């Protein structure tokens, strides 16, 4: 009796396909024709990770695959500058995460991630594009939310995004205050409040002021 054929693990094939594994490698490992994989991918709308594909051809990948210096061997042994980690960071940044948050999520320090971006032009370009896409999405959110009368959350994000904060950051408080009055709020304990009130009364008595010298905020408010 012929042995029953092993069922095809299409979920594993799709995961590997989207991570960038070649059709030839998938065909050999899963005993499925390349045409069969291609048809399934088109029918189900599989999408390859462009960032992962780019990083697999990057300078970082070349250094790890063919280390020549002590630094290259160290990077290879650490296993942190992998195309998979880079692609994961790019995906998170595209969704709105900062470089620091994305790096922490894949187990890399913010300093190490920044050094990686500075060392690898491919990763730098991917990160910049991801930040731009996140910024554009926030601008669209502002436009849609403003039509509904609620855009505070999107404004908070766009004022702090590395790609947009220089264009949308609010003016410093000093510049805002220059055009108008400055309010100062002083909180006094009971003893200090009593001393201040007495001195103001003494000044009124000494100069015979017709109008009270005490501002309403001091006259009517007391912080115990």
Protein backbone atom coordinates (compact mmCIF):
# COMPACT_ATOMS: atom_id res chain seq x y z
CA UNK A 1 0.00 0.00 0.00
CA UNK A 2 1.61 3.31 -1.02
CA UNK A 3 2.54 5.70 1.76
CA UNK A 4 0.18 8.59 2.24
CA UNK A 5 1.64 11.85 0.96
CA UNK A 6 2.65 14.29 3.67
CA UNK A 7 0.30 17.29 3.73
CA UNK A 8 1.78 20.54 2.48
CA UNK A 9 2.40 23.12 5.20
CA UNK A 10 1.17 26.14 3.27
CA UNK A 11 1.31 28.36 6.35
CA UNK A 12 5.04 27.70 6.73
CA UNK A 13 5.58 28.21 3.00
CA UNK A 14 3.77 31.54 3.07
CA UNK A 15 5.71 32.74 6.11
CA UNK A 16 9.03 31.87 4.49
CA UNK A 17 7.93 33.34 1.15
CA UNK A 18 6.98 36.66 2.74
CA UNK A 19 10.29 36.73 4.63
CA UNK A 20 12.05 36.60 1.26
CA UNK A 21 13.05 32.94 0.84
CA UNK A 22 13.47 31.98 -2.81
CA UNK A 23 10.96 29.86 -4.72
CA UNK A 24 13.68 27.32 -5.51
CA UNK A 25 14.53 26.85 -1.83
CA UNK A 26 10.87 26.56 -0.85
CA UNK A 27 10.21 24.07 -3.62
CA UNK A 28 13.08 21.82 -2.50
CA UNK A 29 12.26 21.99 1.20
CA UNK A 30 8.51 21.41 0.92
CA UNK A 31 8.40 19.24 -2.22
CA UNK A 32 6.04 21.64 -4.00
CA UNK A 33 6.58 23.01 -7.49
CA UNK A 34 7.56 26.63 -7.91
CA UNK A 35 4.55 27.12 -10.19
CA UNK A 36 2.27 25.78 -7.44
CA UNK A 37 3.73 28.19 -4.89
CA UNK A 38 3.42 31.11 -7.31
CA UNK A 39 -0.22 30.34 -8.09
CA UNK A 40 -1.09 30.06 -4.41
CA UNK A 41 0.72 33.30 -3.62
CA UNK A 42 -1.21 35.17 -6.32
CA UNK A 43 -4.54 33.66 -5.31
CA UNK A 44 -4.12 34.50 -1.62
CA UNK A 45 -2.31 37.81 -2.10
CA UNK A 46 0.99 36.91 -0.44
CA UNK A 47 3.31 39.91 -0.11
CA UNK A 48 7.08 39.72 0.20
CA UNK A 49 8.71 41.94 2.83
CA UNK A 50 10.52 44.55 0.72
CA UNK A 51 12.57 45.76 3.66
CA UNK A 52 13.77 42.23 4.38
CA UNK A 53 14.68 41.67 0.74
CA UNK A 54 16.62 44.93 0.66
CA UNK A 55 18.47 44.15 3.89
CA UNK A 56 19.44 40.70 2.61
CA UNK A 57 21.47 42.54 -0.04
CA UNK A 58 22.74 45.29 2.26
CA UNK A 59 26.24 46.07 3.49
CA UNK A 60 25.32 44.67 6.90
CA UNK A 61 24.35 41.32 5.40
CA UNK A 62 27.59 41.21 3.42
CA UNK A 63 29.67 41.90 6.52
CA UNK A 64 27.92 39.12 8.43
CA UNK A 65 28.03 36.62 5.57
CA UNK A 66 31.70 37.28 4.77
CA UNK A 67 33.33 38.77 7.87
CA UNK A 68 36.82 40.18 7.33
CA UNK A 69 37.60 42.30 10.37
CA UNK A 70 37.35 41.72 14.11
CA UNK A 71 34.34 44.04 14.16
CA UNK A 72 32.65 41.97 11.44
CA UNK A 73 33.18 38.74 13.37
CA UNK A 74 31.85 40.40 16.52
CA UNK A 75 28.69 41.53 14.71
CA UNK A 76 28.23 38.04 13.33
CA UNK A 77 28.60 36.40 16.75
CA UNK A 78 26.15 38.83 18.38
CA UNK A 79 23.48 38.06 15.78
CA UNK A 80 21.72 41.40 16.25
CA UNK A 81 22.33 43.02 12.87
CA UNK A 82 20.28 40.46 11.02
CA UNK A 83 18.07 41.29 8.03
CA UNK A 84 15.11 39.97 10.06
CA UNK A 85 15.74 42.41 12.92
CA UNK A 86 16.16 45.31 10.50
CA UNK A 87 12.94 44.46 8.66
CA UNK A 88 11.05 44.14 11.95
CA UNK A 89 12.31 47.57 13.06
CA UNK A 90 11.26 49.12 9.75
CA UNK A 91 7.77 47.62 10.02
CA UNK A 92 7.30 49.03 13.52
CA UNK A 93 8.63 52.47 12.53
CA UNK A 94 6.21 52.48 9.60
CA UNK A 95 3.40 51.86 12.08
CA UNK A 96 4.49 54.87 14.16
CA UNK A 97 7.12 53.56 16.60
CA UNK A 98 10.29 55.55 17.26
CA UNK A 99 13.69 54.05 16.49
CA UNK A 100 14.25 53.59 20.24
CA UNK A 101 11.00 51.65 20.70
CA UNK A 102 11.50 49.54 17.56
CA UNK A 103 15.07 48.70 18.58
CA UNK A 104 14.02 47.68 22.09
CA UNK A 105 11.35 45.40 20.64
CA UNK A 106 13.99 43.37 18.80
CA UNK A 107 16.46 43.41 21.68
CA UNK A 108 18.81 46.15 20.49
CA UNK A 109 19.81 49.26 22.43
CA UNK A 110 18.91 52.67 21.01
CA UNK A 111 22.62 53.53 20.66
CA UNK A 112 23.37 50.30 18.78
CA UNK A 113 20.39 50.83 16.48
CA UNK A 114 21.48 54.38 15.67
CA UNK A 115 25.03 53.18 14.94
CA UNK A 116 23.61 50.49 12.64
CA UNK A 117 21.54 53.06 10.75
CA UNK A 118 24.59 55.31 10.34
CA UNK A 119 26.74 52.39 9.13
CA UNK A 120 24.28 50.96 6.61
CA UNK A 121 22.90 53.23 3.88
CA UNK A 122 20.25 50.66 2.97
CA UNK A 123 18.82 50.60 6.48
CA UNK A 124 19.04 54.39 6.74
CA UNK A 125 16.97 54.74 3.58
CA UNK A 126 14.39 52.21 4.76
CA UNK A 127 14.03 53.93 8.14
CA UNK A 128 13.65 57.36 6.56
CA UNK A 129 11.00 56.05 4.16
CA UNK A 130 9.15 54.34 7.02
CA UNK A 131 9.17 57.55 9.06
CA UNK A 132 7.85 59.49 6.07
CA UNK A 133 5.03 56.99 5.55
CA UNK A 134 4.08 57.22 9.23
CA UNK A 135 4.13 61.03 9.04
CA UNK A 136 1.94 61.07 5.93
CA UNK A 137 -0.57 58.81 7.64
CA UNK A 138 -0.73 61.17 10.60
CA UNK A 139 -1.29 64.14 8.32
CA UNK A 140 -4.17 62.26 6.72
CA UNK A 141 -5.52 61.53 10.20
CA UNK A 142 -5.38 65.23 11.06
CA UNK A 143 -7.24 66.16 7.89
CA UNK A 144 -9.93 63.53 8.49
CA UNK A 145 -10.23 64.24 12.21
CA UNK A 146 -10.34 68.01 11.78
CA UNK A 147 -13.41 67.55 9.61
CA UNK A 148 -14.99 65.81 12.61
CA UNK A 149 -13.75 68.47 15.00
CA UNK A 150 -11.33 66.16 16.85
CA UNK A 151 -7.66 66.15 15.90
CA UNK A 152 -5.78 66.63 19.18
CA UNK A 153 -4.31 63.12 19.28
CA UNK A 154 -2.97 63.24 15.72
CA UNK A 155 -1.58 66.72 16.38
CA UNK A 156 0.25 65.41 19.44
CA UNK A 157 1.94 62.76 17.29
CA UNK A 158 2.81 64.98 14.34
CA UNK A 159 4.39 67.61 16.59
CA UNK A 160 6.74 64.91 17.93
CA UNK A 161 7.50 62.77 14.88
CA UNK A 162 11.15 63.04 13.73
CA UNK A 163 9.92 63.64 10.18
CA UNK A 164 7.47 66.45 10.97
CA UNK A 165 8.29 68.01 14.34
CA UNK A 166 10.48 70.76 12.84
CA UNK A 167 7.61 71.85 10.57
CA UNK A 168 4.74 71.46 13.04
CA UNK A 169 6.33 72.03 16.46
CA UNK A 170 4.48 74.77 18.39
CA UNK A 171 6.28 78.00 19.19
CA UNK A 172 8.21 78.10 22.48
CA UNK A 173 6.29 79.53 25.40
CA UNK A 174 8.62 82.52 25.53
CA UNK A 175 7.64 83.55 21.98
CA UNK A 176 3.96 83.02 22.71
CA UNK A 177 4.18 85.15 25.86
CA UNK A 178 5.97 88.00 24.08
CA UNK A 179 2.77 88.90 22.29
CA UNK A 180 0.68 89.07 25.47
CA UNK A 181 0.71 89.07 29.25
CA UNK A 182 2.47 86.51 31.39
CA UNK A 183 0.61 84.84 34.21
CA UNK A 184 2.57 83.74 37.28
CA UNK A 185 1.02 81.31 39.73
CA UNK A 186 2.56 81.33 43.24
CA UNK A 187 1.56 78.75 45.84
CA UNK A 188 2.13 79.82 49.48
CA UNK A 189 1.78 77.98 52.72
CA UNK A 190 -0.37 79.46 55.48
CA UNK A 191 2.47 81.31 57.21
CA UNK A 192 3.88 82.91 54.07
CA UNK A 193 0.38 83.84 52.91
CA UNK A 194 -0.32 85.63 56.20
CA UNK A 195 2.97 87.56 56.03
CA UNK A 196 2.30 88.70 52.45
CA UNK A 197 -1.24 89.80 53.27
CA UNK A 198 -0.04 91.82 56.26
CA UNK A 199 2.63 93.59 54.24
CA UNK A 200 0.10 94.54 51.58
CA UNK A 201 -2.25 95.95 54.25
CA UNK A 202 0.64 97.94 55.78
CA UNK A 203 1.50 99.36 52.36
CA UNK A 204 -2.11 100.41 51.76
CA UNK A 205 -2.26 102.11 55.15
CA UNK A 206 1.08 103.89 54.67
CA UNK A 207 0.28 105.32 51.25
CA UNK A 208 -3.46 105.77 51.72
CA UNK A 209 -4.23 103.99 48.53
CA UNK A 210 -7.76 104.53 47.40
CA UNK A 211 -7.81 101.24 45.54
CA UNK A 212 -6.59 98.02 47.07
CA UNK A 213 -3.00 97.09 46.24
CA UNK A 214 -3.86 93.41 46.52
CA UNK A 215 -4.58 91.69 43.20
CA UNK A 216 -7.80 89.67 43.24
CA UNK A 217 -5.88 86.39 42.85
CA UNK A 218 -4.02 87.09 46.11
CA UNK A 219 -6.93 88.70 47.92
CA UNK A 220 -9.33 85.84 47.25
CA UNK A 221 -7.07 82.79 47.16
CA UNK A 222 -5.12 81.05 49.89
CA UNK A 223 -2.98 77.89 49.63
CA UNK A 224 -2.65 76.10 52.94
